PDB file of all heavy atoms in Angstrom:
ATOM      1  N   PHE A   1      25.608  73.891 -17.759  1.00  0.00           N
ATOM      2  CA  PHE A   1      26.978  73.548 -17.394  1.00  0.00           C
ATOM      3  C   PHE A   1      27.043  72.126 -16.855  1.00  0.00           C
ATOM      4  O   PHE A   1      26.105  71.655 -16.223  1.00  0.00           O
ATOM      5  CB  PHE A   1      27.497  74.480 -16.285  1.00  0.00           C
ATOM      6  CG  PHE A   1      27.503  75.924 -16.653  1.00  0.00           C
ATOM      7  CD1 PHE A   1      26.443  76.743 -16.330  1.00  0.00           C
ATOM      8  CD2 PHE A   1      28.584  76.476 -17.319  1.00  0.00           C
ATOM      9  CE1 PHE A   1      26.442  78.083 -16.659  1.00  0.00           C
ATOM     10  CE2 PHE A   1      28.596  77.805 -17.658  1.00  0.00           C
ATOM     11  CZ  PHE A   1      27.525  78.617 -17.329  1.00  0.00           C
ATOM     12  N   ILE A   2      28.156  71.473 -17.090  1.00  0.00           N
ATOM     13  CA  ILE A   2      28.518  70.231 -16.416  1.00  0.00           C
ATOM     14  C   ILE A   2      29.900  70.498 -15.831  1.00  0.00           C
ATOM     15  O   ILE A   2      30.804  70.934 -16.543  1.00  0.00           O
ATOM     16  CB  ILE A   2      28.600  69.038 -17.395  1.00  0.00           C
ATOM     17  CG1 ILE A   2      27.238  68.762 -18.025  1.00  0.00           C
ATOM     18  CG2 ILE A   2      29.129  67.799 -16.675  1.00  0.00           C
ATOM     19  CD1 ILE A   2      27.285  67.713 -19.133  1.00  0.00           C
ATOM     20  N   PHE A   3      30.050  70.267 -14.528  1.00  0.00           N
ATOM     21  CA  PHE A   3      31.362  70.484 -13.914  1.00  0.00           C
ATOM     22  C   PHE A   3      31.539  69.565 -12.717  1.00  0.00           C
ATOM     23  O   PHE A   3      30.569  69.049 -12.172  1.00  0.00           O
ATOM     24  CB  PHE A   3      31.548  71.950 -13.508  1.00  0.00           C
ATOM     25  CG  PHE A   3      30.540  72.464 -12.514  1.00  0.00           C
ATOM     26  CD1 PHE A   3      30.794  72.411 -11.155  1.00  0.00           C
ATOM     27  CD2 PHE A   3      29.345  73.014 -12.944  1.00  0.00           C
ATOM     28  CE1 PHE A   3      29.868  72.895 -10.239  1.00  0.00           C
ATOM     29  CE2 PHE A   3      28.416  73.506 -12.045  1.00  0.00           C
ATOM     30  CZ  PHE A   3      28.678  73.442 -10.686  1.00  0.00           C
ATOM     31  N   ASN A   4      32.802  69.337 -12.335  1.00  0.00           N
ATOM     32  CA  ASN A   4      33.064  68.546 -11.134  1.00  0.00           C
ATOM     33  C   ASN A   4      33.161  69.476  -9.941  1.00  0.00           C
ATOM     34  O   ASN A   4      33.782  70.523 -10.000  1.00  0.00           O
ATOM     35  CB  ASN A   4      34.313  67.668 -11.297  1.00  0.00           C
ATOM     36  CG  ASN A   4      35.587  68.441 -11.516  1.00  0.00           C
ATOM     37  OD1 ASN A   4      35.608  69.415 -12.269  1.00  0.00           O
ATOM     38  ND2 ASN A   4      36.664  68.009 -10.886  1.00  0.00           N
ATOM     39  N   ASN A   5      32.506  69.089  -8.851  1.00  0.00           N
ATOM     40  CA  ASN A   5      32.440  69.900  -7.649  1.00  0.00           C
ATOM     41  C   ASN A   5      33.540  69.532  -6.657  1.00  0.00           C
ATOM     42  O   ASN A   5      33.868  70.322  -5.791  1.00  0.00           O
ATOM     43  CB  ASN A   5      31.066  69.745  -6.997  1.00  0.00           C
ATOM     44  CG  ASN A   5      30.628  70.983  -6.276  1.00  0.00           C
ATOM     45  OD1 ASN A   5      31.136  72.062  -6.518  1.00  0.00           O
ATOM     46  ND2 ASN A   5      29.675  70.825  -5.384  1.00  0.00           N
ATOM     47  N   SER A   6      34.084  68.327  -6.782  1.00  0.00           N
ATOM     48  CA  SER A   6      35.188  67.873  -5.939  1.00  0.00           C
ATOM     49  C   SER A   6      36.438  67.760  -6.805  1.00  0.00           C
ATOM     50  O   SER A   6      36.361  67.372  -7.965  1.00  0.00           O
ATOM     51  CB  SER A   6      34.871  66.497  -5.352  1.00  0.00           C
ATOM     52  OG  SER A   6      33.729  66.559  -4.539  1.00  0.00           O
ATOM     53  N   ALA A   7      37.574  68.073  -6.202  1.00  0.00           N
ATOM     54  CA  ALA A   7      38.829  68.044  -6.956  1.00  0.00           C
ATOM     55  C   ALA A   7      39.132  66.635  -7.450  1.00  0.00           C
ATOM     56  O   ALA A   7      38.905  65.668  -6.734  1.00  0.00           O
ATOM     57  CB  ALA A   7      39.978  68.528  -6.084  1.00  0.00           C
ATOM     58  N   TRP A   8      39.630  66.536  -8.681  1.00  0.00           N
ATOM     59  CA  TRP A   8      40.122  65.270  -9.200  1.00  0.00           C
ATOM     60  C   TRP A   8      41.317  64.880  -8.328  1.00  0.00           C
ATOM     61  O   TRP A   8      42.072  65.759  -7.911  1.00  0.00           O
ATOM     62  CB  TRP A   8      40.529  65.481 -10.667  1.00  0.00           C
ATOM     63  CG  TRP A   8      40.382  64.268 -11.505  1.00  0.00           C
ATOM     64  CD1 TRP A   8      41.393  63.495 -11.995  1.00  0.00           C
ATOM     65  CD2 TRP A   8      39.172  63.670 -11.959  1.00  0.00           C
ATOM     66  NE1 TRP A   8      40.877  62.456 -12.727  1.00  0.00           N
ATOM     67  CE2 TRP A   8      39.503  62.543 -12.714  1.00  0.00           C
ATOM     68  CE3 TRP A   8      37.822  63.984 -11.791  1.00  0.00           C
ATOM     69  CZ2 TRP A   8      38.572  61.718 -13.307  1.00  0.00           C
ATOM     70  CZ3 TRP A   8      36.882  63.165 -12.380  1.00  0.00           C
ATOM     71  CH2 TRP A   8      37.252  62.047 -13.125  1.00  0.00           C
ATOM     72  N   PRO A   9      41.522  63.598  -8.026  1.00  0.00           N
ATOM     73  CA  PRO A   9      42.595  63.199  -7.107  1.00  0.00           C
ATOM     74  C   PRO A   9      43.989  63.676  -7.522  1.00  0.00           C
ATOM     75  O   PRO A   9      44.822  63.971  -6.676  1.00  0.00           O
ATOM     76  CB  PRO A   9      42.535  61.673  -7.113  1.00  0.00           C
ATOM     77  CG  PRO A   9      41.189  61.324  -7.650  1.00  0.00           C
ATOM     78  CD  PRO A   9      40.741  62.469  -8.499  1.00  0.00           C
ATOM     79  N   SER A  10      44.243  63.721  -8.815  1.00  0.00           N
ATOM     80  CA  SER A  10      45.506  64.257  -9.328  1.00  0.00           C
ATOM     81  C   SER A  10      45.152  65.156 -10.506  1.00  0.00           C
ATOM     82  O   SER A  10      43.999  65.241 -10.895  1.00  0.00           O
ATOM     83  CB  SER A  10      46.437  63.128  -9.761  1.00  0.00           C
ATOM     84  OG  SER A  10      45.815  62.327 -10.740  1.00  0.00           O
ATOM     85  N   ASN A  11      46.142  65.821 -11.068  1.00  0.00           N
ATOM     86  CA  ASN A  11      45.853  66.694 -12.204  1.00  0.00           C
ATOM     87  C   ASN A  11      45.211  65.902 -13.339  1.00  0.00           C
ATOM     88  O   ASN A  11      45.584  64.760 -13.598  1.00  0.00           O
ATOM     89  CB  ASN A  11      47.127  67.360 -12.716  1.00  0.00           C
ATOM     90  CG  ASN A  11      47.589  68.479 -11.817  1.00  0.00           C
ATOM     91  OD1 ASN A  11      46.805  69.053 -11.064  1.00  0.00           O
ATOM     92  ND2 ASN A  11      48.868  68.786 -11.874  1.00  0.00           N
ATOM     93  N   ILE A  12      44.255  66.518 -14.011  1.00  0.00           N
ATOM     94  CA  ILE A  12      43.585  65.891 -15.149  1.00  0.00           C
ATOM     95  C   ILE A  12      44.539  65.968 -16.343  1.00  0.00           C
ATOM     96  O   ILE A  12      45.044  67.044 -16.666  1.00  0.00           O
ATOM     97  CB  ILE A  12      42.258  66.603 -15.464  1.00  0.00           C
ATOM     98  CG1 ILE A  12      41.316  66.529 -14.263  1.00  0.00           C
ATOM     99  CG2 ILE A  12      41.604  65.993 -16.698  1.00  0.00           C
ATOM    100  CD1 ILE A  12      40.078  67.423 -14.382  1.00  0.00           C
ATOM    101  N   ASN A  13      44.779  64.838 -16.989  1.00  0.00           N
ATOM    102  CA  ASN A  13      45.677  64.800 -18.149  1.00  0.00           C
ATOM    103  C   ASN A  13      44.945  64.955 -19.464  1.00  0.00           C
ATOM    104  O   ASN A  13      45.469  65.523 -20.414  1.00  0.00           O
ATOM    105  CB  ASN A  13      46.467  63.492 -18.170  1.00  0.00           C
ATOM    106  CG  ASN A  13      47.521  63.469 -17.111  1.00  0.00           C
ATOM    107  OD1 ASN A  13      48.266  64.414 -16.965  1.00  0.00           O
ATOM    108  ND2 ASN A  13      47.576  62.391 -16.351  1.00  0.00           N
ATOM    109  N   LYS A  14      43.716  64.417 -19.528  1.00  0.00           N
ATOM    110  CA  LYS A  14      42.992  64.426 -20.798  1.00  0.00           C
ATOM    111  C   LYS A  14      41.496  64.300 -20.527  1.00  0.00           C
ATOM    112  O   LYS A  14      41.081  63.569 -19.643  1.00  0.00           O
ATOM    113  CB  LYS A  14      43.469  63.259 -21.664  1.00  0.00           C
ATOM    114  CG  LYS A  14      42.768  63.126 -22.994  1.00  0.00           C
ATOM    115  CD  LYS A  14      43.420  62.101 -23.924  1.00  0.00           C
ATOM    116  CE  LYS A  14      43.310  60.701 -23.436  1.00  0.00           C
ATOM    117  NZ  LYS A  14      43.739  59.684 -24.430  1.00  0.00           N
ATOM    118  N   ILE A  15      40.718  65.018 -21.319  1.00  0.00           N
ATOM    119  CA  ILE A  15      39.261  64.860 -21.327  1.00  0.00           C
ATOM    120  C   ILE A  15      38.864  64.565 -22.767  1.00  0.00           C
ATOM    121  O   ILE A  15      39.251  65.288 -23.688  1.00  0.00           O
ATOM    122  CB  ILE A  15      38.527  66.108 -20.818  1.00  0.00           C
ATOM    123  CG1 ILE A  15      38.852  66.343 -19.335  1.00  0.00           C
ATOM    124  CG2 ILE A  15      37.013  65.975 -21.018  1.00  0.00           C
ATOM    125  CD1 ILE A  15      38.224  67.593 -18.746  1.00  0.00           C
ATOM    126  N   THR A  16      38.107  63.490 -22.944  1.00  0.00           N
ATOM    127  CA  THR A  16      37.587  63.134 -24.261  1.00  0.00           C
ATOM    128  C   THR A  16      36.078  63.218 -24.198  1.00  0.00           C
ATOM    129  O   THR A  16      35.451  62.629 -23.311  1.00  0.00           O
ATOM    130  CB  THR A  16      38.005  61.702 -24.658  1.00  0.00           C
ATOM    131  OG1 THR A  16      39.432  61.623 -24.630  1.00  0.00           O
ATOM    132  CG2 THR A  16      37.495  61.339 -26.047  1.00  0.00           C
ATOM    133  N   ILE A  17      35.484  63.956 -25.118  1.00  0.00           N
ATOM    134  CA  ILE A  17      34.034  64.108 -25.176  1.00  0.00           C
ATOM    135  C   ILE A  17      33.559  63.559 -26.517  1.00  0.00           C
ATOM    136  O   ILE A  17      34.076  63.929 -27.570  1.00  0.00           O
ATOM    137  CB  ILE A  17      33.607  65.580 -25.013  1.00  0.00           C
ATOM    138  CG1 ILE A  17      34.117  66.124 -23.670  1.00  0.00           C
ATOM    139  CG2 ILE A  17      32.084  65.714 -25.113  1.00  0.00           C
ATOM    140  CD1 ILE A  17      33.832  67.578 -23.434  1.00  0.00           C
ATOM    141  N   VAL A  18      32.580  62.641 -26.457  1.00  0.00           N
ATOM    142  CA  VAL A  18      31.988  62.060 -27.658  1.00  0.00           C
ATOM    143  C   VAL A  18      30.591  62.635 -27.790  1.00  0.00           C
ATOM    144  O   VAL A  18      29.785  62.574 -26.863  1.00  0.00           O
ATOM    145  CB  VAL A  18      31.932  60.516 -27.562  1.00  0.00           C
ATOM    146  CG1 VAL A  18      31.297  59.926 -28.811  1.00  0.00           C
ATOM    147  CG2 VAL A  18      33.325  59.940 -27.336  1.00  0.00           C
ATOM    148  N   LEU A  19      30.320  63.240 -28.942  1.00  0.00           N
ATOM    149  CA  LEU A  19      29.033  63.877 -29.205  1.00  0.00           C
ATOM    150  C   LEU A  19      28.399  63.216 -30.421  1.00  0.00           C
ATOM    151  O   LEU A  19      29.101  62.869 -31.361  1.00  0.00           O
ATOM    152  CB  LEU A  19      29.222  65.373 -29.470  1.00  0.00           C
ATOM    153  CG  LEU A  19      29.983  66.110 -28.366  1.00  0.00           C
ATOM    154  CD1 LEU A  19      31.364  66.471 -28.828  1.00  0.00           C
ATOM    155  CD2 LEU A  19      29.224  67.306 -27.903  1.00  0.00           C
ATOM    156  N   LYS A  20      27.079  63.053 -30.393  1.00  0.00           N
ATOM    157  CA  LYS A  20      26.369  62.451 -31.521  1.00  0.00           C
ATOM    158  C   LYS A  20      25.305  63.415 -32.025  1.00  0.00           C
ATOM    159  O   LYS A  20      24.571  64.001 -31.243  1.00  0.00           O
ATOM    160  CB  LYS A  20      25.672  61.158 -31.096  1.00  0.00           C
ATOM    161  CG  LYS A  20      26.554  59.959 -31.029  1.00  0.00           C
ATOM    162  CD  LYS A  20      25.725  58.721 -30.747  1.00  0.00           C
ATOM    163  CE  LYS A  20      26.503  57.473 -30.992  1.00  0.00           C
ATOM    164  NZ  LYS A  20      25.698  56.271 -30.736  1.00  0.00           N
ATOM    165  N   VAL A  21      25.235  63.532 -33.345  1.00  0.00           N
ATOM    166  CA  VAL A  21      24.251  64.392 -33.988  1.00  0.00           C
ATOM    167  C   VAL A  21      23.522  63.561 -35.037  1.00  0.00           C
ATOM    168  O   VAL A  21      24.160  62.882 -35.850  1.00  0.00           O
ATOM    169  CB  VAL A  21      24.940  65.601 -34.661  1.00  0.00           C
ATOM    170  CG1 VAL A  21      23.930  66.466 -35.374  1.00  0.00           C
ATOM    171  CG2 VAL A  21      25.709  66.404 -33.642  1.00  0.00           C
ATOM    172  N   LYS A  22      22.203  63.597 -35.028  1.00  0.00           N
ATOM    173  CA  LYS A  22      21.419  62.872 -36.027  1.00  0.00           C
ATOM    174  C   LYS A  22      21.569  63.594 -37.360  1.00  0.00           C
ATOM    175  O   LYS A  22      21.180  64.736 -37.510  1.00  0.00           O
ATOM    176  CB  LYS A  22      19.957  62.779 -35.615  1.00  0.00           C
ATOM    177  CG  LYS A  22      19.153  61.848 -36.492  1.00  0.00           C
ATOM    178  CD  LYS A  22      17.915  61.382 -35.762  1.00  0.00           C
ATOM    179  CE  LYS A  22      17.105  60.435 -36.566  1.00  0.00           C
ATOM    180  NZ  LYS A  22      17.697  59.126 -36.732  1.00  0.00           N
ATOM    181  N   VAL A  23      22.148  62.926 -38.339  1.00  0.00           N
ATOM    182  CA  VAL A  23      22.509  63.547 -39.617  1.00  0.00           C
ATOM    183  C   VAL A  23      21.291  64.079 -40.364  1.00  0.00           C
ATOM    184  O   VAL A  23      21.337  65.138 -40.968  1.00  0.00           O
ATOM    185  CB  VAL A  23      23.297  62.550 -40.498  1.00  0.00           C
ATOM    186  CG1 VAL A  23      23.564  63.129 -41.867  1.00  0.00           C
ATOM    187  CG2 VAL A  23      24.613  62.185 -39.818  1.00  0.00           C
ATOM    188  N   ALA A  24      20.178  63.405 -40.292  1.00  0.00           N
ATOM    189  CA  ALA A  24      18.986  63.835 -41.038  1.00  0.00           C
ATOM    190  C   ALA A  24      18.440  65.167 -40.518  1.00  0.00           C
ATOM    191  O   ALA A  24      17.774  65.891 -41.240  1.00  0.00           O
ATOM    192  CB  ALA A  24      17.896  62.770 -40.947  1.00  0.00           C
ATOM    193  N   GLN A  25      18.716  65.513 -39.266  1.00  0.00           N
ATOM    194  CA  GLN A  25      18.150  66.721 -38.676  1.00  0.00           C
ATOM    195  C   GLN A  25      19.081  67.926 -38.734  1.00  0.00           C
ATOM    196  O   GLN A  25      18.641  69.042 -38.877  1.00  0.00           O
ATOM    197  CB  GLN A  25      17.741  66.456 -37.225  1.00  0.00           C
ATOM    198  CG  GLN A  25      16.608  65.454 -37.129  1.00  0.00           C
ATOM    199  CD  GLN A  25      16.274  65.095 -35.687  1.00  0.00           C
ATOM    200  OE1 GLN A  25      17.004  65.413 -34.766  1.00  0.00           O
ATOM    201  NE2 GLN A  25      15.168  64.427 -35.522  1.00  0.00           N
ATOM    202  N   THR A  26      20.377  67.698 -38.595  1.00  0.00           N
ATOM    203  CA  THR A  26      21.314  68.809 -38.567  1.00  0.00           C
ATOM    204  C   THR A  26      22.720  68.326 -38.914  1.00  0.00           C
ATOM    205  O   THR A  26      23.030  67.166 -38.727  1.00  0.00           O
ATOM    206  CB  THR A  26      21.317  69.493 -37.179  1.00  0.00           C
ATOM    207  OG1 THR A  26      22.208  70.612 -37.236  1.00  0.00           O
ATOM    208  CG2 THR A  26      21.756  68.547 -36.083  1.00  0.00           C
ATOM    209  N   MET A  27      23.537  69.209 -39.402  1.00  0.00           N
ATOM    210  CA  MET A  27      24.925  68.880 -39.727  1.00  0.00           C
ATOM    211  C   MET A  27      25.876  69.872 -39.057  1.00  0.00           C
ATOM    212  O   MET A  27      26.893  70.238 -39.608  1.00  0.00           O
ATOM    213  CB  MET A  27      25.135  68.901 -41.242  1.00  0.00           C
ATOM    214  CG  MET A  27      24.377  67.826 -41.982  1.00  0.00           C
ATOM    215  SD  MET A  27      24.914  66.166 -41.558  1.00  0.00           S
ATOM    216  CE  MET A  27      26.461  66.117 -42.415  1.00  0.00           C
ATOM    217  N   TYR A  28      25.531  70.324 -37.851  1.00  0.00           N
ATOM    218  CA  TYR A  28      26.340  71.336 -37.193  1.00  0.00           C
ATOM    219  C   TYR A  28      27.577  70.724 -36.549  1.00  0.00           C
ATOM    220  O   TYR A  28      27.599  69.539 -36.203  1.00  0.00           O
ATOM    221  CB  TYR A  28      25.515  72.057 -36.133  1.00  0.00           C
ATOM    222  CG  TYR A  28      25.424  71.295 -34.832  1.00  0.00           C
ATOM    223  CD1 TYR A  28      26.229  71.656 -33.756  1.00  0.00           C
ATOM    224  CD2 TYR A  28      24.565  70.217 -34.674  1.00  0.00           C
ATOM    225  CE1 TYR A  28      26.170  70.955 -32.565  1.00  0.00           C
ATOM    226  CE2 TYR A  28      24.499  69.519 -33.490  1.00  0.00           C
ATOM    227  CZ  TYR A  28      25.302  69.888 -32.436  1.00  0.00           C
ATOM    228  OH  TYR A  28      25.250  69.186 -31.268  1.00  0.00           O
ATOM    229  N   ASP A  29      28.605  71.509 -36.358  1.00  0.00           N
ATOM    230  CA  ASP A  29      29.732  71.118 -35.528  1.00  0.00           C
ATOM    231  C   ASP A  29      29.385  71.533 -34.100  1.00  0.00           C
ATOM    232  O   ASP A  29      28.863  72.632 -33.891  1.00  0.00           O
ATOM    233  CB  ASP A  29      31.006  71.837 -35.964  1.00  0.00           C
ATOM    234  CG  ASP A  29      31.555  71.296 -37.266  1.00  0.00           C
ATOM    235  OD1 ASP A  29      31.285  70.117 -37.574  1.00  0.00           O
ATOM    236  OD2 ASP A  29      32.243  72.046 -37.969  1.00  0.00           O
ATOM    237  N   PRO A  30      29.658  70.694 -33.103  1.00  0.00           N
ATOM    238  CA  PRO A  30      29.332  71.049 -31.729  1.00  0.00           C
ATOM    239  C   PRO A  30      29.995  72.359 -31.329  1.00  0.00           C
ATOM    240  O   PRO A  30      31.155  72.603 -31.666  1.00  0.00           O
ATOM    241  CB  PRO A  30      29.903  69.884 -30.918  1.00  0.00           C
ATOM    242  CG  PRO A  30      29.966  68.748 -31.881  1.00  0.00           C
ATOM    243  CD  PRO A  30      30.256  69.369 -33.211  1.00  0.00           C
ATOM    244  N   ALA A  31      29.253  73.192 -30.633  1.00  0.00           N
ATOM    245  CA  ALA A  31      29.752  74.497 -30.205  1.00  0.00           C
ATOM    246  C   ALA A  31      29.542  74.639 -28.704  1.00  0.00           C
ATOM    247  O   ALA A  31      28.413  74.702 -28.228  1.00  0.00           O
ATOM    248  CB  ALA A  31      29.026  75.608 -30.959  1.00  0.00           C
ATOM    249  N   TYR A  32      30.634  74.633 -27.973  1.00  0.00           N
ATOM    250  CA  TYR A  32      30.604  74.777 -26.519  1.00  0.00           C
ATOM    251  C   TYR A  32      32.005  75.187 -26.083  1.00  0.00           C
ATOM    252  O   TYR A  32      32.915  75.297 -26.906  1.00  0.00           O
ATOM    253  CB  TYR A  32      30.197  73.458 -25.842  1.00  0.00           C
ATOM    254  CG  TYR A  32      31.154  72.319 -26.069  1.00  0.00           C
ATOM    255  CD1 TYR A  32      32.116  72.000 -25.123  1.00  0.00           C
ATOM    256  CD2 TYR A  32      31.131  71.584 -27.251  1.00  0.00           C
ATOM    257  CE1 TYR A  32      33.020  70.960 -25.343  1.00  0.00           C
ATOM    258  CE2 TYR A  32      32.020  70.552 -27.476  1.00  0.00           C
ATOM    259  CZ  TYR A  32      32.961  70.246 -26.521  1.00  0.00           C
ATOM    260  OH  TYR A  32      33.851  69.223 -26.742  1.00  0.00           O
ATOM    261  N   THR A  33      32.193  75.413 -24.788  1.00  0.00           N
ATOM    262  CA  THR A  33      33.509  75.780 -24.274  1.00  0.00           C
ATOM    263  C   THR A  33      33.860  74.862 -23.109  1.00  0.00           C
ATOM    264  O   THR A  33      33.024  74.611 -22.252  1.00  0.00           O
ATOM    265  CB  THR A  33      33.520  77.244 -23.794  1.00  0.00           C
ATOM    266  OG1 THR A  33      33.066  78.094 -24.849  1.00  0.00           O
ATOM    267  CG2 THR A  33      34.913  77.676 -23.380  1.00  0.00           C
ATOM    268  N   LEU A  34      35.090  74.358 -23.085  1.00  0.00           N
ATOM    269  CA  LEU A  34      35.597  73.597 -21.949  1.00  0.00           C
ATOM    270  C   LEU A  34      36.597  74.475 -21.215  1.00  0.00           C
ATOM    271  O   LEU A  34      37.544  74.982 -21.820  1.00  0.00           O
ATOM    272  CB  LEU A  34      36.282  72.301 -22.389  1.00  0.00           C
ATOM    273  CG  LEU A  34      36.800  71.505 -21.188  1.00  0.00           C
ATOM    274  CD1 LEU A  34      35.913  70.301 -20.927  1.00  0.00           C
ATOM    275  CD2 LEU A  34      38.228  71.083 -21.378  1.00  0.00           C
ATOM    276  N   TYR A  35      36.338  74.689 -19.920  1.00  0.00           N
ATOM    277  CA  TYR A  35      37.236  75.472 -19.067  1.00  0.00           C
ATOM    278  C   TYR A  35      37.900  74.541 -18.061  1.00  0.00           C
ATOM    279  O   TYR A  35      37.300  73.546 -17.638  1.00  0.00           O
ATOM    280  CB  TYR A  35      36.450  76.526 -18.284  1.00  0.00           C
ATOM    281  CG  TYR A  35      35.740  77.545 -19.125  1.00  0.00           C
ATOM    282  CD1 TYR A  35      34.373  77.456 -19.344  1.00  0.00           C
ATOM    283  CD2 TYR A  35      36.428  78.620 -19.677  1.00  0.00           C
ATOM    284  CE1 TYR A  35      33.708  78.405 -20.104  1.00  0.00           C
ATOM    285  CE2 TYR A  35      35.766  79.567 -20.443  1.00  0.00           C
ATOM    286  CZ  TYR A  35      34.409  79.460 -20.646  1.00  0.00           C
ATOM    287  OH  TYR A  35      33.746  80.394 -21.394  1.00  0.00           O
ATOM    288  N   VAL A  36      39.127  74.865 -17.642  1.00  0.00           N
ATOM    289  CA  VAL A  36      39.829  74.088 -16.628  1.00  0.00           C
ATOM    290  C   VAL A  36      40.430  75.030 -15.592  1.00  0.00           C
ATOM    291  O   VAL A  36      40.619  76.222 -15.862  1.00  0.00           O
ATOM    292  CB  VAL A  36      40.944  73.212 -17.237  1.00  0.00           C
ATOM    293  CG1 VAL A  36      40.354  72.173 -18.170  1.00  0.00           C
ATOM    294  CG2 VAL A  36      41.990  74.041 -17.945  1.00  0.00           C
ATOM    295  N   GLY A  37      40.701  74.472 -14.396  1.00  0.00           N
ATOM    296  CA  GLY A  37      41.304  75.300 -13.358  1.00  0.00           C
ATOM    297  C   GLY A  37      41.579  74.535 -12.089  1.00  0.00           C
ATOM    298  O   GLY A  37      41.420  73.319 -12.022  1.00  0.00           O
ATOM    299  N   GLN A  38      41.945  75.268 -11.054  1.00  0.00           N
ATOM    300  CA  GLN A  38      42.279  74.704  -9.743  1.00  0.00           C
ATOM    301  C   GLN A  38      41.157  74.886  -8.728  1.00  0.00           C
ATOM    302  O   GLN A  38      41.300  74.486  -7.578  1.00  0.00           O
ATOM    303  CB  GLN A  38      43.563  75.352  -9.213  1.00  0.00           C
ATOM    304  CG  GLN A  38      44.822  74.836  -9.871  1.00  0.00           C
ATOM    305  CD  GLN A  38      45.091  73.383  -9.518  1.00  0.00           C
ATOM    306  OE1 GLN A  38      45.005  72.986  -8.363  1.00  0.00           O
ATOM    307  NE2 GLN A  38      45.393  72.566 -10.512  1.00  0.00           N
ATOM    308  N   GLU A  39      40.042  75.498  -9.136  1.00  0.00           N
ATOM    309  CA  GLU A  39      38.890  75.677  -8.246  1.00  0.00           C
ATOM    310  C   GLU A  39      37.641  75.183  -8.951  1.00  0.00           C
ATOM    311  O   GLU A  39      37.557  75.190 -10.183  1.00  0.00           O
ATOM    312  CB  GLU A  39      38.741  77.146  -7.865  1.00  0.00           C
ATOM    313  CG  GLU A  39      39.922  77.661  -7.057  1.00  0.00           C
ATOM    314  CD  GLU A  39      39.746  79.107  -6.623  1.00  0.00           C
ATOM    315  OE1 GLU A  39      38.607  79.615  -6.662  1.00  0.00           O
ATOM    316  OE2 GLU A  39      40.761  79.721  -6.249  1.00  0.00           O
ATOM    317  N   ALA A  40      36.650  74.776  -8.159  1.00  0.00           N
ATOM    318  CA  ALA A  40      35.412  74.222  -8.716  1.00  0.00           C
ATOM    319  C   ALA A  40      34.724  75.207  -9.652  1.00  0.00           C
ATOM    320  O   ALA A  40      34.700  76.406  -9.400  1.00  0.00           O
ATOM    321  CB  ALA A  40      34.464  73.819  -7.590  1.00  0.00           C
ATOM    322  N   HIS A  41      34.161  74.676 -10.740  1.00  0.00           N
ATOM    323  CA  HIS A  41      33.384  75.411 -11.743  1.00  0.00           C
ATOM    324  C   HIS A  41      34.187  76.542 -12.396  1.00  0.00           C
ATOM    325  O   HIS A  41      33.769  77.700 -12.418  1.00  0.00           O
ATOM    326  CB  HIS A  41      32.104  75.944 -11.109  1.00  0.00           C
ATOM    327  CG  HIS A  41      31.069  76.386 -12.103  1.00  0.00           C
ATOM    328  ND1 HIS A  41      31.026  75.992 -13.424  1.00  0.00           N
ATOM    329  CD2 HIS A  41      30.010  77.214 -11.947  1.00  0.00           C
ATOM    330  CE1 HIS A  41      29.998  76.549 -14.020  1.00  0.00           C
ATOM    331  NE2 HIS A  41      29.364  77.284 -13.139  1.00  0.00           N
TER     332      HIS A  41
END
């Protein structure tokens, strides 16, 4: 997991995640889950 432990100063408007995959080794689409809320983690 990666998460913020302290509240963002204001509501989060957008999260952009850039992922890189070495083409010669795999051609998968990234598979993970992003959760949001009003409490840590």
